[in-house]
């Protein structure tokens, strides 16, 4: 058991986007940014460098933060890792080709 592992329903939750029925937002429940809601934009995989590139927006937050905050970026990167790991393990991920 990994005590540092983030868990859906404990550390974060998905909430439907009010502006896009196919999109979800993520509310952080624990950690340094509780009640901060983010939305991931496009994700891309760089297979050569073994990197996942992503963008996100802050939908709402009780804190005065921006997407340029390096601590927030690290937390969101960890959050994305656990979301992707869970969705691939549970076969709930929807992976599509890049649209231009």
Protein backbone atom coordinates (compact mmCIF):
# COMPACT_ATOMS: atom_id res chain seq x y z
CA UNK A 1 0.00 0.00 0.00
CA UNK A 2 1.37 3.41 -1.03
CA UNK A 3 0.44 5.97 1.64
CA UNK A 4 1.49 8.84 -0.66
CA UNK A 5 -0.87 7.69 -3.40
CA UNK A 6 -3.66 10.10 -4.29
CA UNK A 7 -7.11 8.52 -4.34
CA UNK A 8 -10.30 9.55 -6.07
CA UNK A 9 -12.98 10.43 -3.55
CA UNK A 10 -10.38 11.06 -0.84
CA UNK A 11 -7.81 13.45 -2.32
CA UNK A 12 -9.66 14.60 -5.43
CA UNK A 13 -13.01 14.28 -7.14
CA UNK A 14 -14.30 14.68 -10.66
CA UNK A 15 -17.06 17.17 -11.30
CA UNK A 16 -18.83 17.66 -14.62
CA UNK A 17 -17.94 20.75 -16.58
CA UNK A 18 -20.93 23.09 -16.77
CA UNK A 19 -19.82 24.30 -20.20
CA UNK A 20 -18.95 20.99 -21.93
CA UNK A 21 -20.90 17.79 -21.38
CA UNK A 22 -17.88 15.73 -22.50
CA UNK A 23 -15.41 17.34 -20.12
CA UNK A 24 -14.64 16.93 -16.44
CA UNK A 25 -13.05 19.20 -13.90
CA UNK A 26 -11.01 18.01 -10.92
CA UNK A 27 -11.51 19.38 -7.41
CA UNK A 28 -8.58 18.88 -5.05
CA UNK A 29 -9.83 17.82 -1.62
CA UNK A 30 -6.54 17.47 0.27
CA UNK A 31 -2.99 18.75 0.01
CA UNK A 32 -1.77 22.31 -0.32
CA UNK A 33 -4.62 23.45 -2.63
CA UNK A 34 -7.89 22.12 -1.16
CA UNK A 35 -11.03 23.25 -2.96
CA UNK A 36 -9.02 24.31 -5.99
CA UNK A 37 -10.77 23.18 -9.18
CA UNK A 38 -8.75 22.63 -12.33
CA UNK A 39 -9.45 21.43 -15.81
CA UNK A 40 -6.89 19.66 -17.94
CA UNK A 41 -6.55 20.84 -21.49
CA UNK A 42 -4.71 18.86 -24.14
CA UNK A 43 -2.37 16.08 -23.13
CA UNK A 44 0.33 14.80 -25.42
CA UNK A 45 2.88 12.04 -25.15
CA UNK A 46 6.47 12.46 -26.31
CA UNK A 47 7.53 8.86 -26.75
CA UNK A 48 11.12 9.74 -27.60
CA UNK A 49 11.72 11.60 -24.34
CA UNK A 50 9.15 9.54 -22.39
CA UNK A 51 7.28 12.66 -21.29
CA UNK A 52 3.65 13.62 -20.95
CA UNK A 53 3.00 17.26 -21.74
CA UNK A 54 -0.16 18.88 -20.45
CA UNK A 55 -1.86 22.19 -19.93
CA UNK A 56 -4.47 23.02 -17.34
CA UNK A 57 -6.60 25.92 -16.30
CA UNK A 58 -7.67 26.97 -12.84
CA UNK A 59 -11.46 27.05 -12.78
CA UNK A 60 -11.68 28.32 -9.21
CA UNK A 61 -9.57 28.44 -6.09
CA UNK A 62 -9.75 29.95 -2.62
CA UNK A 63 -6.04 30.75 -3.05
CA UNK A 64 -4.44 33.51 -5.11
CA UNK A 65 -2.59 31.23 -7.55
CA UNK A 66 -1.85 31.03 -11.25
CA UNK A 67 -0.92 28.17 -13.56
CA UNK A 68 2.64 29.56 -13.48
CA UNK A 69 3.01 28.55 -9.81
CA UNK A 70 5.69 25.81 -9.85
CA UNK A 71 4.39 24.18 -6.65
CA UNK A 72 0.89 23.99 -8.15
CA UNK A 73 2.33 22.55 -11.38
CA UNK A 74 4.06 19.78 -9.39
CA UNK A 75 0.86 18.93 -7.51
CA UNK A 76 -1.19 18.91 -10.71
CA UNK A 77 1.44 16.73 -12.42
CA UNK A 78 1.21 14.18 -9.58
CA UNK A 79 -2.56 14.34 -9.74
CA UNK A 80 -2.51 13.70 -13.48
CA UNK A 81 -0.18 10.73 -12.99
CA UNK A 82 -2.59 9.06 -10.56
CA UNK A 83 -5.64 9.86 -12.67
CA UNK A 84 -4.00 8.34 -15.76
CA UNK A 85 -2.74 5.32 -13.85
CA UNK A 86 -6.19 4.64 -12.38
CA UNK A 87 -8.00 5.16 -15.68
CA UNK A 88 -5.62 2.85 -17.56
CA UNK A 89 -5.79 0.21 -14.82
CA UNK A 90 -9.58 0.38 -14.69
CA UNK A 91 -9.85 0.68 -18.49
CA UNK A 92 -11.86 3.89 -18.27
CA UNK A 93 -9.43 6.06 -20.28
CA UNK A 94 -10.47 7.45 -23.64
CA UNK A 95 -7.40 7.98 -25.77
CA UNK A 96 -7.80 9.72 -29.10
CA UNK A 97 -5.52 10.93 -31.84
CA UNK A 98 -4.36 14.52 -31.71
CA UNK A 99 -6.60 16.97 -33.48
CA UNK A 100 -5.01 19.90 -35.21
